[in-house]
Structure formats: C-alpha cells, structure tokens
Amino acid sequence: MKLLHLLLILLFSNTIIGQENGKSKSSAKIYERNEIKVVGVSVNLVPKINTANNELSPAVANNKLWVLAENKKATVSSYKLTTSLVNANGTNADAVDMVIPMDFPQPFGPFHVDAARNKIYFTSSPLGNGKPSAQFTIYQADIKGSSLSGAKAMDFCTPDANFQHPCMAADGKIIYYSSDKMGGKGGFDLYRSELVNGKWSAPINMGDSINTKGNEVFPTLGIGSSILFSSNQKGSMGGYDIFVSDISGESPVRNLGDMINSPEDDMSLIVENNAKSGYLVSSRKGGLGKYDIYKWNSGNTPLYKMKVGEFIMTQPPNNKGK
C-alpha cells in the first residue's frame, strides 16, 4: 500500500468495501521453549459497534469500549468518539457519542484513554487559517463525564514532522507514539517521550530492534513490558501486520502470525485478561465496513508471555518477524 501514512487513509478515505457479514477465524501453533502446543484463536466482529462505515482505535476504560466511528453526516469532523458499556457477560450495550467541543482540533483521530487521570490523548490537525492542516499533532484533553474539554498540543510535537497514535504508560510518565521526524529508520518510527520534572522530553527513537525501513504505527502496551504495534515491514502477511516486542527494544520483534493477522491491514491490538482476549482493528474479509473492530479470544493460553531476561511468545512456523 503506497501512502503518505496510514492515518491519512483511515481518517479521510470514503472507500467502503461491500462484503458479506460473517466471522473470521484463524488458528496457529504456539512455540514455547521448543514445545509445540496447538491453540485456536477466535477473531470475531464486535456486535452493536460495527457499521458499513469505518470503526477504529478501540480502547477499554471505565468498563466501556471506546471507539472512533466514522460519521459521514458530520459538518466538522469525519469521525466521532463513542463509548459502549461492556456488560458482565462480555457483550456490548449500544454506543453513545462523547461530546467533542466545536473548537477542538479536527478531525478527531486515533486516541488513548488514561482513565486513572481522566485524560485522553488524541491525534488531530492543528488549525491554520481556520482549516485543518495536512500535518498531524498529538493533543491531550480532560474527560468530564460524557464530554471532553481543554485540548492542548503536547510539548514534544514540533512543526517539522507528524506525530500520531499516542499510547500512555499506566503511570502517566511515558508516552509512546509514531512519527516521521527526520533521523528515523524508515517512513514512520515509534518514539517515546518521558515526563521529567513536569515537562515532556524530546522524542526518543525506540531503536533498530523495533523500527525498520517500513512504517511502524499504532503502538499499544500489553502485559509486562511488552509493546505491540502495526508495521508493513518485511515479513508481513499483507498490508499492515501486528508485531510484538519489549519496550526496552532489546528483545526480538515477532509477528503475531495468522492467529491474529490477515492478508489485509491489522492494527491497534489491545490485550485484556492476561493476554487471553482483547480487541483489534482489521480490514479483513467478512467485515461490515472498510475497517471494523474485532474481539479476539485465545481461550486459556496467552498470546505471548514476558519473563525477566527471556522473551517467550507465539510465533507461527517459518515466520521470522523482522
């Protein structure tokens, strides 16, 4: 896929692929210390959330599934932020729109919810002459009930590059994101900034172990010290695949394989239940729109495990990842 970067397509594409409704399931073998176990991973469309439009950027916070939903009737933003209560049995209630002030940067793009501090971090375009620019910046805002307020750009964002796809650490002191700033390894690399004495540090590249000549986008944090992200690097099944590594950048990058990935774009994987279930975004066949939200479940076997000084994870045969 030839593109300036993936966010432009996700935010501004009006192309909808008509496909029959259904479920996408895949399975793979788990390799752990040379011991082979067979595990089935189910990947299913989330009911009541997906439509013929695009749904992106899932997040789970305050017992709710947060989703970026395409809004073709909007006069200002092409996407709206919705929440859906997750019931005790795992099903979702009907989605409710969050209130985004008219003076917020537009369009409202991929985001991260920091529920512990009632903050949201999101991708958008700074306004120039009253119109969104072609450049993307990361903003933070306050969450007040069903509304957002007080949007302001993050200090580490500079006008010479794009900054997108924020992901905040649990302690609120490290933020991960994707940028095409000069000096990177490829098109878009993963970076982090650290909060020191109340100020955010300049971008720190996540290093050669994670970043490649391709694009690394949509970082999320898993269990332990694991980081997940999407990339079109060499070894991908097709389009963008989801990879996993360690935030230290010292562990090998691994492709999650056909348990999770498809021949199309797969991104924004989040983990719950000790990496035994979660959500992801995919444009795979069987969806309702171009991009849909899927729920994945691996039963009693985690997708991967992190141990001190050792990296153990699922990996399909003949897939070297990077």
C-alpha atoms as a PDB file:
ATOM      1  CA  MET A   1       0.000   0.000   0.000  1.00  0.00           C
ATOM      2  CA  LYS A   2       1.513   3.263  -1.123  1.00  0.00           C
ATOM      3  CA  LEU A   3       0.598   6.128   1.207  1.00  0.00           C
ATOM      4  CA  LEU A   4       1.877   9.206   2.984  1.00  0.00           C
ATOM      5  CA  HIS A   5       0.974   7.403   6.138  1.00  0.00           C
ATOM      6  CA  LEU A   6      -1.786   5.119   7.311  1.00  0.00           C
ATOM      7  CA  LEU A   7      -3.638   7.740   9.312  1.00  0.00           C
ATOM      8  CA  LEU A   8      -4.443   9.800   6.220  1.00  0.00           C
ATOM      9  CA  ILE A   9      -6.214   6.820   4.699  1.00  0.00           C
ATOM     10  CA  LEU A  10      -8.059   5.923   7.898  1.00  0.00           C
ATOM     11  CA  LEU A  11      -9.274   9.455   8.547  1.00  0.00           C
ATOM     12  CA  PHE A  12     -10.098  10.626   5.056  1.00  0.00           C
ATOM     13  CA  SER A  13     -10.892   7.559   2.942  1.00  0.00           C
ATOM     14  CA  ASN A  14     -14.539   7.230   1.908  1.00  0.00           C
ATOM     15  CA  THR A  15     -13.996   3.892   0.196  1.00  0.00           C
ATOM     16  CA  ILE A  16     -16.220   1.209   1.694  1.00  0.00           C
ATOM     17  CA  ILE A  17     -15.781  -2.405   0.678  1.00  0.00           C
ATOM     18  CA  GLY A  18     -19.076  -4.280   0.494  1.00  0.00           C
ATOM     19  CA  GLN A  19     -18.608  -7.753   1.984  1.00  0.00           C
ATOM     20  CA  GLU A  20     -20.962 -10.341   3.352  1.00  0.00           C
ATOM     21  CA  ASN A  21     -21.372 -10.462   7.117  1.00  0.00           C
ATOM     22  CA  GLY A  22     -19.589 -13.210   8.929  1.00  0.00           C
ATOM     23  CA  LYS A  23     -16.806 -14.228  11.235  1.00  0.00           C
ATOM     24  CA  SER A  24     -13.108 -14.501  10.595  1.00  0.00           C
ATOM     25  CA  LYS A  25     -11.346 -17.259  12.460  1.00  0.00           C
ATOM     26  CA  SER A  26      -7.786 -18.470  12.352  1.00  0.00           C
ATOM     27  CA  SER A  27      -5.529 -20.772  14.313  1.00  0.00           C
ATOM     28  CA  ALA A  28      -1.813 -21.300  14.694  1.00  0.00           C
ATOM     29  CA  LYS A  29       0.736 -23.245  16.681  1.00  0.00           C
ATOM     30  CA  ILE A  30       2.354 -21.822  19.774  1.00  0.00           C
ATOM     31  CA  TYR A  31       6.114 -22.269  20.059  1.00  0.00           C
ATOM     32  CA  GLU A  32       7.350 -22.077  23.639  1.00  0.00           C
ATOM     33  CA  ARG A  33      10.823 -23.354  24.529  1.00  0.00           C
ATOM     34  CA  ASN A  34      10.643 -25.666  21.510  1.00  0.00           C
ATOM     35  CA  GLU A  35       7.444 -27.186  22.885  1.00  0.00           C
ATOM     36  CA  ILE A  36       4.615 -27.099  20.364  1.00  0.00           C
ATOM     37  CA  LYS A  37       1.067 -26.602  21.577  1.00  0.00           C
ATOM     38  CA  VAL A  38      -1.924 -26.143  19.332  1.00  0.00           C
ATOM     39  CA  VAL A  39      -4.277 -23.326  20.206  1.00  0.00           C
ATOM     40  CA  GLY A  40      -7.271 -21.888  18.389  1.00  0.00           C
ATOM     41  CA  VAL A  41      -7.693 -18.133  18.396  1.00  0.00           C
ATOM     42  CA  SER A  42     -11.143 -16.796  17.553  1.00  0.00           C
ATOM     43  CA  VAL A  43     -11.388 -13.357  15.921  1.00  0.00           C
ATOM     44  CA  ASN A  44     -14.976 -12.130  15.629  1.00  0.00           C
ATOM     45  CA  LEU A  45     -16.777  -8.916  14.745  1.00  0.00           C
ATOM     46  CA  VAL A  46     -18.000  -6.981  17.795  1.00  0.00           C
ATOM     47  CA  PRO A  47     -21.837  -6.742  17.760  1.00  0.00           C
ATOM     48  CA  LYS A  48     -23.574  -3.339  18.036  1.00  0.00           C
ATOM     49  CA  ILE A  49     -20.328  -1.492  17.272  1.00  0.00           C
ATOM     50  CA  ASN A  50     -19.542  -2.086  13.610  1.00  0.00           C
ATOM     51  CA  THR A  51     -21.409  -0.493  10.727  1.00  0.00           C
ATOM     52  CA  ALA A  52     -20.981  -0.008   6.985  1.00  0.00           C
ATOM     53  CA  ASN A  53     -18.672   2.883   7.921  1.00  0.00           C
ATOM     54  CA  ASN A  54     -15.201   2.667   9.466  1.00  0.00           C
ATOM     55  CA  GLU A  55     -14.631   1.879  13.149  1.00  0.00           C
ATOM     56  CA  LEU A  56     -11.121   2.406  14.532  1.00  0.00           C
ATOM     57  CA  SER A  57      -8.888   2.778  17.571  1.00  0.00           C
ATOM     58  CA  PRO A  58     -10.547   0.582  20.256  1.00  0.00           C
ATOM     59  CA  ALA A  59      -9.767   1.240  23.919  1.00  0.00           C
ATOM     60  CA  VAL A  60     -11.170  -0.205  27.131  1.00  0.00           C
ATOM     61  CA  ALA A  61     -11.563   2.125  30.123  1.00  0.00           C
ATOM     62  CA  ASN A  62     -14.078   2.508  32.941  1.00  0.00           C
ATOM     63  CA  ASN A  63     -15.879  -0.670  31.898  1.00  0.00           C
ATOM     64  CA  LYS A  64     -16.522   0.782  28.459  1.00  0.00           C
ATOM     65  CA  LEU A  65     -15.302   0.098  24.938  1.00  0.00           C
ATOM     66  CA  TRP A  66     -14.236   3.390  23.337  1.00  0.00           C
ATOM     67  CA  VAL A  67     -14.233   3.542  19.532  1.00  0.00           C
ATOM     68  CA  LEU A  68     -13.521   6.079  16.815  1.00  0.00           C
ATOM     69  CA  ALA A  69     -16.535   5.825  14.488  1.00  0.00           C
ATOM     70  CA  GLU A  70     -16.836   7.340  11.037  1.00  0.00           C
ATOM     71  CA  ASN A  71     -19.538   9.985  10.853  1.00  0.00           C
ATOM     72  CA  LYS A  72     -20.443  10.772   7.245  1.00  0.00           C
ATOM     73  CA  LYS A  73     -23.117  13.248   8.326  1.00  0.00           C
ATOM     74  CA  ALA A  74     -20.701  15.391  10.324  1.00  0.00           C
ATOM     75  CA  THR A  75     -20.200  19.023   9.344  1.00  0.00           C
ATOM     76  CA  VAL A  76     -16.872  19.446  11.166  1.00  0.00           C
ATOM     77  CA  SER A  77     -15.247  16.083  11.865  1.00  0.00           C
ATOM     78  CA  SER A  78     -15.334  12.946   9.785  1.00  0.00           C
ATOM     79  CA  TYR A  79     -15.094  10.808  12.939  1.00  0.00           C
ATOM     80  CA  LYS A  80     -16.849  10.773  16.287  1.00  0.00           C
ATOM     81  CA  LEU A  81     -15.844   9.264  19.624  1.00  0.00           C
ATOM     82  CA  THR A  82     -18.262   6.687  21.031  1.00  0.00           C
ATOM     83  CA  THR A  83     -18.422   4.562  24.171  1.00  0.00           C
ATOM     84  CA  SER A  84     -20.251   1.305  24.785  1.00  0.00           C
ATOM     85  CA  LEU A  85     -20.749  -0.267  28.204  1.00  0.00           C
ATOM     86  CA  VAL A  86     -19.230  -3.766  28.403  1.00  0.00           C
ATOM     87  CA  ASN A  87     -21.692  -5.995  30.239  1.00  0.00           C
ATOM     88  CA  ALA A  88     -20.679  -8.652  32.764  1.00  0.00           C
ATOM     89  CA  ASN A  89     -21.144 -11.379  30.141  1.00  0.00           C
ATOM     90  CA  GLY A  90     -18.786  -9.598  27.737  1.00  0.00           C
ATOM     91  CA  THR A  91     -21.471  -8.240  25.416  1.00  0.00           C
ATOM     92  CA  ASN A  92     -21.698  -4.562  24.484  1.00  0.00           C
ATOM     93  CA  ALA A  93     -24.509  -2.088  25.061  1.00  0.00           C
ATOM     94  CA  ASP A  94     -25.484   0.392  22.356  1.00  0.00           C
ATOM     95  CA  ALA A  95     -22.837   3.019  21.592  1.00  0.00           C
ATOM     96  CA  VAL A  96     -23.198   6.543  22.998  1.00  0.00           C
ATOM     97  CA  ASP A  97     -21.463   9.571  21.459  1.00  0.00           C
ATOM     98  CA  MET A  98     -18.997  11.581  23.530  1.00  0.00           C
ATOM     99  CA  VAL A  99     -19.369  15.353  23.293  1.00  0.00           C
ATOM    100  CA  ILE A 100     -16.400  16.921  21.488  1.00  0.00           C
ATOM    101  CA  PRO A 101     -16.400  20.761  21.612  1.00  0.00           C
ATOM    102  CA  MET A 102     -16.655  22.561  18.283  1.00  0.00           C
ATOM    103  CA  ASP A 103     -13.419  24.443  18.985  1.00  0.00           C
ATOM    104  CA  PHE A 104     -11.396  21.216  19.322  1.00  0.00           C
ATOM    105  CA  PRO A 105      -8.754  20.429  16.671  1.00  0.00           C
ATOM    106  CA  GLN A 106     -10.350  18.463  13.826  1.00  0.00           C
ATOM    107  CA  PRO A 107     -10.600  15.781  12.674  1.00  0.00           C
ATOM    108  CA  PHE A 108     -10.558  13.776  15.913  1.00  0.00           C
ATOM    109  CA  GLY A 109      -8.189  10.876  15.259  1.00  0.00           C
ATOM    110  CA  PRO A 110      -6.723   7.752  16.935  1.00  0.00           C
ATOM    111  CA  PHE A 111      -6.585   8.150  20.707  1.00  0.00           C
ATOM    112  CA  HIS A 112      -5.606   6.697  24.084  1.00  0.00           C
ATOM    113  CA  VAL A 113      -7.694   6.934  27.261  1.00  0.00           C
ATOM    114  CA  ASP A 114      -5.862   7.469  30.559  1.00  0.00           C
ATOM    115  CA  ALA A 115      -8.749   6.614  32.885  1.00  0.00           C
ATOM    116  CA  ALA A 116      -6.664   6.924  36.054  1.00  0.00           C
ATOM    117  CA  ARG A 117      -6.114  10.634  35.389  1.00  0.00           C
ATOM    118  CA  ASN A 118      -9.301  11.332  33.388  1.00  0.00           C
ATOM    119  CA  LYS A 119      -7.227  12.299  30.350  1.00  0.00           C
ATOM    120  CA  ILE A 120      -7.471  11.459  26.675  1.00  0.00           C
ATOM    121  CA  TYR A 121      -4.630  11.772  24.160  1.00  0.00           C
ATOM    122  CA  PHE A 122      -5.586  12.005  20.511  1.00  0.00           C
ATOM    123  CA  THR A 123      -4.277  12.665  17.007  1.00  0.00           C
ATOM    124  CA  SER A 124      -5.516  15.685  15.091  1.00  0.00           C
ATOM    125  CA  SER A 125      -4.522  18.538  12.783  1.00  0.00           C
ATOM    126  CA  PRO A 126      -3.607  21.997  14.049  1.00  0.00           C
ATOM    127  CA  LEU A 127      -5.741  24.737  12.560  1.00  0.00           C
ATOM    128  CA  GLY A 128      -4.256  27.122  10.014  1.00  0.00           C
ATOM    129  CA  ASN A 129      -6.394  29.975   8.738  1.00  0.00           C
ATOM    130  CA  GLY A 130      -9.374  28.236  10.302  1.00  0.00           C
ATOM    131  CA  LYS A 131      -8.798  24.993   8.416  1.00  0.00           C
ATOM    132  CA  PRO A 132      -7.065  21.720   9.425  1.00  0.00           C
ATOM    133  CA  SER A 133      -3.527  21.423   8.080  1.00  0.00           C
ATOM    134  CA  ALA A 134      -2.091  18.316   6.450  1.00  0.00           C
ATOM    135  CA  GLN A 135       0.161  17.794   9.468  1.00  0.00           C
ATOM    136  CA  PHE A 136      -0.788  15.700  12.482  1.00  0.00           C
ATOM    137  CA  THR A 137      -0.140  16.510  16.138  1.00  0.00           C
ATOM    138  CA  ILE A 138      -0.873  14.764  19.434  1.00  0.00           C
ATOM    139  CA  TYR A 139      -3.173  16.589  21.842  1.00  0.00           C
ATOM    140  CA  GLN A 140      -4.280  15.944  25.392  1.00  0.00           C
ATOM    141  CA  ALA A 141      -7.675  16.822  26.864  1.00  0.00           C
ATOM    142  CA  ASP A 142      -9.708  16.272  30.009  1.00  0.00           C
ATOM    143  CA  ILE A 143     -12.544  13.761  30.276  1.00  0.00           C
ATOM    144  CA  LYS A 144     -15.509  15.129  32.202  1.00  0.00           C
ATOM    145  CA  GLY A 145     -18.369  12.666  32.214  1.00  0.00           C
ATOM    146  CA  SER A 146     -19.503  12.294  28.611  1.00  0.00           C
ATOM    147  CA  SER A 147     -17.621  15.392  27.413  1.00  0.00           C
ATOM    148  CA  LEU A 148     -14.078  16.437  26.543  1.00  0.00           C
ATOM    149  CA  SER A 149     -12.504  19.811  27.344  1.00  0.00           C
ATOM    150  CA  GLY A 150      -9.228  21.739  27.401  1.00  0.00           C
ATOM    151  CA  ALA A 151      -7.411  20.357  24.348  1.00  0.00           C
ATOM    152  CA  LYS A 152      -3.759  21.366  24.049  1.00  0.00           C
ATOM    153  CA  ALA A 153      -0.869  20.121  21.934  1.00  0.00           C
ATOM    154  CA  MET A 154       1.826  18.001  23.577  1.00  0.00           C
ATOM    155  CA  ASP A 155       5.154  19.781  24.136  1.00  0.00           C
ATOM    156  CA  PHE A 156       7.274  17.265  22.207  1.00  0.00           C
ATOM    157  CA  CYS A 157       5.369  17.812  18.956  1.00  0.00           C
ATOM    158  CA  THR A 158       7.254  20.068  16.545  1.00  0.00           C
ATOM    159  CA  PRO A 159       6.041  21.670  13.289  1.00  0.00           C
ATOM    160  CA  ASP A 160       8.618  19.878  11.142  1.00  0.00           C
ATOM    161  CA  ALA A 161       7.050  16.401  11.470  1.00  0.00           C
ATOM    162  CA  ASN A 162       3.854  14.406  12.002  1.00  0.00           C
ATOM    163  CA  PHE A 163       3.051  12.946  15.422  1.00  0.00           C
ATOM    164  CA  GLN A 164       0.261  10.380  15.765  1.00  0.00           C
ATOM    165  CA  HIS A 165      -1.200   7.349  17.548  1.00  0.00           C
ATOM    166  CA  PRO A 166      -0.471   8.110  21.250  1.00  0.00           C
ATOM    167  CA  CYS A 167      -0.264   5.400  23.910  1.00  0.00           C
ATOM    168  CA  MET A 168       0.303   6.372  27.554  1.00  0.00           C
ATOM    169  CA  ALA A 169       2.017   4.145  30.124  1.00  0.00           C
ATOM    170  CA  ALA A 170      -0.023   3.183  33.191  1.00  0.00           C
ATOM    171  CA  ASP A 171       1.899   5.573  35.461  1.00  0.00           C
ATOM    172  CA  GLY A 172       1.336   8.522  33.110  1.00  0.00           C
ATOM    173  CA  LYS A 173       5.066   9.223  32.827  1.00  0.00           C
ATOM    174  CA  ILE A 174       5.928   7.769  29.405  1.00  0.00           C
ATOM    175  CA  ILE A 175       4.011   8.249  26.179  1.00  0.00           C
ATOM    176  CA  TYR A 176       4.629   6.188  23.035  1.00  0.00           C
ATOM    177  CA  TYR A 177       3.701   7.343  19.523  1.00  0.00           C
ATOM    178  CA  SER A 178       4.553   7.219  15.817  1.00  0.00           C
ATOM    179  CA  SER A 179       6.351   9.990  13.932  1.00  0.00           C
ATOM    180  CA  ASP A 180       8.079  10.668  10.619  1.00  0.00           C
ATOM    181  CA  LYS A 181      10.582  13.120  12.108  1.00  0.00           C
ATOM    182  CA  MET A 182      13.990  13.423  10.496  1.00  0.00           C
ATOM    183  CA  GLY A 183      16.639  10.930  11.624  1.00  0.00           C
ATOM    184  CA  GLY A 184      14.286   7.963  11.817  1.00  0.00           C
ATOM    185  CA  LYS A 185      14.905   4.467  10.480  1.00  0.00           C
ATOM    186  CA  GLY A 186      12.122   4.491   7.896  1.00  0.00           C
ATOM    187  CA  GLY A 187       8.897   6.270   6.998  1.00  0.00           C
ATOM    188  CA  PHE A 188       7.206   6.346  10.415  1.00  0.00           C
ATOM    189  CA  ASP A 189       9.069   5.122  13.501  1.00  0.00           C
ATOM    190  CA  LEU A 190       7.959   4.510  17.070  1.00  0.00           C
ATOM    191  CA  TYR A 191       9.166   7.030  19.654  1.00  0.00           C
ATOM    192  CA  ARG A 192       8.642   7.717  23.328  1.00  0.00           C
ATOM    193  CA  SER A 193       8.784  10.845  25.475  1.00  0.00           C
ATOM    194  CA  GLU A 194       9.270  10.864  29.243  1.00  0.00           C
ATOM    195  CA  LEU A 195       7.771  13.200  31.816  1.00  0.00           C
ATOM    196  CA  VAL A 196      10.643  14.734  33.802  1.00  0.00           C
ATOM    197  CA  ASN A 197      10.039  17.487  36.355  1.00  0.00           C
ATOM    198  CA  GLY A 198       6.678  18.258  34.823  1.00  0.00           C
ATOM    199  CA  LYS A 199       7.983  18.541  31.239  1.00  0.00           C
ATOM    200  CA  TRP A 200       7.930  16.081  28.367  1.00  0.00           C
ATOM    201  CA  SER A 201      11.293  15.105  26.894  1.00  0.00           C
ATOM    202  CA  ALA A 202      12.193  15.394  23.235  1.00  0.00           C
ATOM    203  CA  PRO A 203      11.263  12.296  21.164  1.00  0.00           C
ATOM    204  CA  ILE A 204      13.404   9.213  21.823  1.00  0.00           C
ATOM    205  CA  ASN A 205      13.563   6.702  18.963  1.00  0.00           C
ATOM    206  CA  MET A 206      12.663   3.153  20.050  1.00  0.00           C
ATOM    207  CA  GLY A 207      15.648   1.791  18.155  1.00  0.00           C
ATOM    208  CA  ASP A 208      16.648  -0.585  15.374  1.00  0.00           C
ATOM    209  CA  SER A 209      15.123  -3.640  17.025  1.00  0.00           C
ATOM    210  CA  ILE A 210      11.634  -2.171  16.602  1.00  0.00           C
ATOM    211  CA  ASN A 211      11.874   0.355  13.783  1.00  0.00           C
ATOM    212  CA  THR A 212      12.569  -0.619  10.166  1.00  0.00           C
ATOM    213  CA  LYS A 213      12.646   0.912   6.686  1.00  0.00           C
ATOM    214  CA  GLY A 214       8.874   0.487   6.630  1.00  0.00           C
ATOM    215  CA  ASN A 215       6.231   2.223   8.764  1.00  0.00           C
ATOM    216  CA  GLU A 216       5.698   1.417  12.438  1.00  0.00           C
ATOM    217  CA  VAL A 217       2.350   2.767  13.671  1.00  0.00           C
ATOM    218  CA  PHE A 218      -0.447   2.295  16.255  1.00  0.00           C
ATOM    219  CA  PRO A 219       1.567   1.308  19.361  1.00  0.00           C
ATOM    220  CA  THR A 220      -0.256  -0.246  22.321  1.00  0.00           C
ATOM    221  CA  LEU A 221       1.054  -1.680  25.575  1.00  0.00           C
ATOM    222  CA  GLY A 222       0.468  -5.291  26.564  1.00  0.00           C
ATOM    223  CA  ILE A 223       1.155  -7.166  29.767  1.00  0.00           C
ATOM    224  CA  GLY A 224       4.526  -6.836  31.477  1.00  0.00           C
ATOM    225  CA  SER A 225       6.931  -4.786  29.396  1.00  0.00           C
ATOM    226  CA  SER A 226       5.525  -5.755  26.011  1.00  0.00           C
ATOM    227  CA  ILE A 227       4.669  -3.289  23.260  1.00  0.00           C
ATOM    228  CA  LEU A 228       2.507  -4.120  20.266  1.00  0.00           C
ATOM    229  CA  PHE A 229       2.380  -2.166  17.015  1.00  0.00           C
ATOM    230  CA  SER A 230       1.482  -2.419  13.342  1.00  0.00           C
ATOM    231  CA  SER A 231       4.033  -2.410  10.545  1.00  0.00           C
ATOM    232  CA  ASN A 232       4.372  -3.077   6.845  1.00  0.00           C
ATOM    233  CA  GLN A 233       7.934  -4.225   7.381  1.00  0.00           C
ATOM    234  CA  LYS A 234       9.463  -7.214   5.613  1.00  0.00           C
ATOM    235  CA  GLY A 235       7.830 -10.449   6.752  1.00  0.00           C
ATOM    236  CA  SER A 236       4.278  -9.065   6.909  1.00  0.00           C
ATOM    237  CA  MET A 237       1.452 -11.307   5.731  1.00  0.00           C
ATOM    238  CA  GLY A 238      -0.038  -8.453   3.756  1.00  0.00           C
ATOM    239  CA  GLY A 239      -0.731  -4.769   4.300  1.00  0.00           C
ATOM    240  CA  TYR A 240      -0.004  -3.943   7.951  1.00  0.00           C
ATOM    241  CA  ASP A 241       0.568  -6.765  10.475  1.00  0.00           C
ATOM    242  CA  ILE A 242       0.630  -6.650  14.271  1.00  0.00           C
ATOM    243  CA  PHE A 243       4.029  -7.262  15.864  1.00  0.00           C
ATOM    244  CA  VAL A 244       5.153  -7.543  19.479  1.00  0.00           C
ATOM    245  CA  SER A 245       8.413  -6.683  21.227  1.00  0.00           C
ATOM    246  CA  ASP A 246       9.698  -5.321  24.533  1.00  0.00           C
ATOM    247  CA  ILE A 247       9.712  -1.612  25.413  1.00  0.00           C
ATOM    248  CA  SER A 248      13.446  -1.882  26.086  1.00  0.00           C
ATOM    249  CA  GLY A 249      13.992  -2.573  22.389  1.00  0.00           C
ATOM    250  CA  GLU A 250      16.355  -5.388  23.364  1.00  0.00           C
ATOM    251  CA  SER A 251      14.056  -8.312  22.563  1.00  0.00           C
ATOM    252  CA  PRO A 252      13.443  -9.646  19.058  1.00  0.00           C
ATOM    253  CA  VAL A 253      10.390  -8.392  17.229  1.00  0.00           C
ATOM    254  CA  ARG A 254       7.878 -11.112  16.402  1.00  0.00           C
ATOM    255  CA  ASN A 255       4.942 -11.177  14.031  1.00  0.00           C
ATOM    256  CA  LEU A 256       1.781 -12.477  15.754  1.00  0.00           C
ATOM    257  CA  GLY A 257       1.140 -14.532  12.642  1.00  0.00           C
ATOM    258  CA  ASP A 258      -2.115 -15.836  11.243  1.00  0.00           C
ATOM    259  CA  MET A 259      -3.598 -16.282  14.702  1.00  0.00           C
ATOM    260  CA  ILE A 260      -4.291 -12.537  14.610  1.00  0.00           C
ATOM    261  CA  ASN A 261      -3.081 -11.117  11.303  1.00  0.00           C
ATOM    262  CA  SER A 262      -4.748 -11.411   7.909  1.00  0.00           C
ATOM    263  CA  PRO A 263      -3.735 -10.660   4.306  1.00  0.00           C
ATOM    264  CA  GLU A 264      -5.253  -7.186   4.843  1.00  0.00           C
ATOM    265  CA  ASP A 265      -4.474  -4.398   7.364  1.00  0.00           C
ATOM    266  CA  ASP A 266      -4.464  -5.320  11.070  1.00  0.00           C
ATOM    267  CA  MET A 267      -3.715  -2.801  13.816  1.00  0.00           C
ATOM    268  CA  SER A 268      -4.468  -1.360  17.262  1.00  0.00           C
ATOM    269  CA  LEU A 269      -4.392  -4.663  19.148  1.00  0.00           C
ATOM    270  CA  ILE A 270      -5.234  -4.295  22.823  1.00  0.00           C
ATOM    271  CA  VAL A 271      -4.962  -7.086  25.393  1.00  0.00           C
ATOM    272  CA  GLU A 272      -7.093  -7.976  28.395  1.00  0.00           C
ATOM    273  CA  ASN A 273      -7.425 -10.936  30.731  1.00  0.00           C
ATOM    274  CA  ASN A 274      -3.653 -11.594  30.901  1.00  0.00           C
ATOM    275  CA  ALA A 275      -3.346 -11.527  27.099  1.00  0.00           C
ATOM    276  CA  LYS A 276      -6.064 -14.113  26.614  1.00  0.00           C
ATOM    277  CA  SER A 277      -8.538 -11.747  24.958  1.00  0.00           C
ATOM    278  CA  GLY A 278      -8.868  -8.215  23.623  1.00  0.00           C
ATOM    279  CA  TYR A 279      -9.699  -6.174  20.543  1.00  0.00           C
ATOM    280  CA  LEU A 280      -8.134  -5.161  17.242  1.00  0.00           C
ATOM    281  CA  VAL A 281      -8.936  -3.268  14.043  1.00  0.00           C
ATOM    282  CA  SER A 282      -8.865  -5.051  10.698  1.00  0.00           C
ATOM    283  CA  SER A 283      -9.874  -4.594   7.069  1.00  0.00           C
ATOM    284  CA  ARG A 284     -10.051  -8.379   6.563  1.00  0.00           C
ATOM    285  CA  LYS A 285     -12.764 -10.024   4.503  1.00  0.00           C
ATOM    286  CA  GLY A 286     -16.077 -10.574   6.259  1.00  0.00           C
ATOM    287  CA  GLY A 287     -16.334  -7.111   7.806  1.00  0.00           C
ATOM    288  CA  LEU A 288     -19.181  -4.636   7.568  1.00  0.00           C
ATOM    289  CA  GLY A 289     -17.077  -1.629   6.544  1.00  0.00           C
ATOM    290  CA  LYS A 290     -13.576  -0.998   5.271  1.00  0.00           C
ATOM    291  CA  TYR A 291     -12.197  -1.129   8.849  1.00  0.00           C
ATOM    292  CA  ASP A 292     -14.005  -2.881  11.717  1.00  0.00           C
ATOM    293  CA  ILE A 293     -13.494  -3.690  15.408  1.00  0.00           C
ATOM    294  CA  TYR A 294     -12.912  -7.357  16.229  1.00  0.00           C
ATOM    295  CA  LYS A 295     -12.816  -9.234  19.515  1.00  0.00           C
ATOM    296  CA  TRP A 296     -10.139 -11.903  19.822  1.00  0.00           C
ATOM    297  CA  ASN A 297     -10.002 -14.736  22.335  1.00  0.00           C
ATOM    298  CA  SER A 298      -7.292 -17.342  22.818  1.00  0.00           C
ATOM    299  CA  GLY A 299      -9.028 -19.436  25.485  1.00  0.00           C
ATOM    300  CA  ASN A 300      -6.735 -20.352  28.369  1.00  0.00           C
ATOM    301  CA  THR A 301      -3.456 -19.759  26.526  1.00  0.00           C
ATOM    302  CA  PRO A 302      -1.994 -16.213  26.400  1.00  0.00           C
ATOM    303  CA  LEU A 303      -0.899 -14.870  23.030  1.00  0.00           C
ATOM    304  CA  TYR A 304       2.548 -14.297  24.462  1.00  0.00           C
ATOM    305  CA  LYS A 305       4.435 -14.308  27.748  1.00  0.00           C
ATOM    306  CA  MET A 306       7.077 -11.923  29.058  1.00  0.00           C
ATOM    307  CA  LYS A 307       9.726 -13.094  31.530  1.00  0.00           C
ATOM    308  CA  VAL A 308      12.760 -11.377  33.017  1.00  0.00           C
ATOM    309  CA  GLY A 309      15.700 -11.862  30.667  1.00  0.00           C
ATOM    310  CA  GLU A 310      13.658 -14.060  28.372  1.00  0.00           C
ATOM    311  CA  PHE A 311      11.180 -13.408  25.593  1.00  0.00           C
ATOM    312  CA  ILE A 312       8.601 -16.114  25.020  1.00  0.00           C
ATOM    313  CA  MET A 313       5.734 -15.674  22.634  1.00  0.00           C
ATOM    314  CA  THR A 314       3.560 -17.204  19.971  1.00  0.00           C
ATOM    315  CA  GLN A 315       5.076 -17.445  16.550  1.00  0.00           C
ATOM    316  CA  PRO A 316       3.759 -19.333  13.506  1.00  0.00           C
ATOM    317  CA  PRO A 317       6.108 -21.609  11.538  1.00  0.00           C
ATOM    318  CA  ASN A 318       8.553 -20.059   9.057  1.00  0.00           C
ATOM    319  CA  ASN A 319       7.829 -16.507  10.197  1.00  0.00           C
ATOM    320  CA  LYS A 320      10.979 -14.682  11.182  1.00  0.00           C
ATOM    321  CA  GLY A 321       9.122 -11.474  12.016  1.00  0.00           C
ATOM    322  CA  LYS A 322      11.683  -8.855  11.073  1.00  0.00           C
END
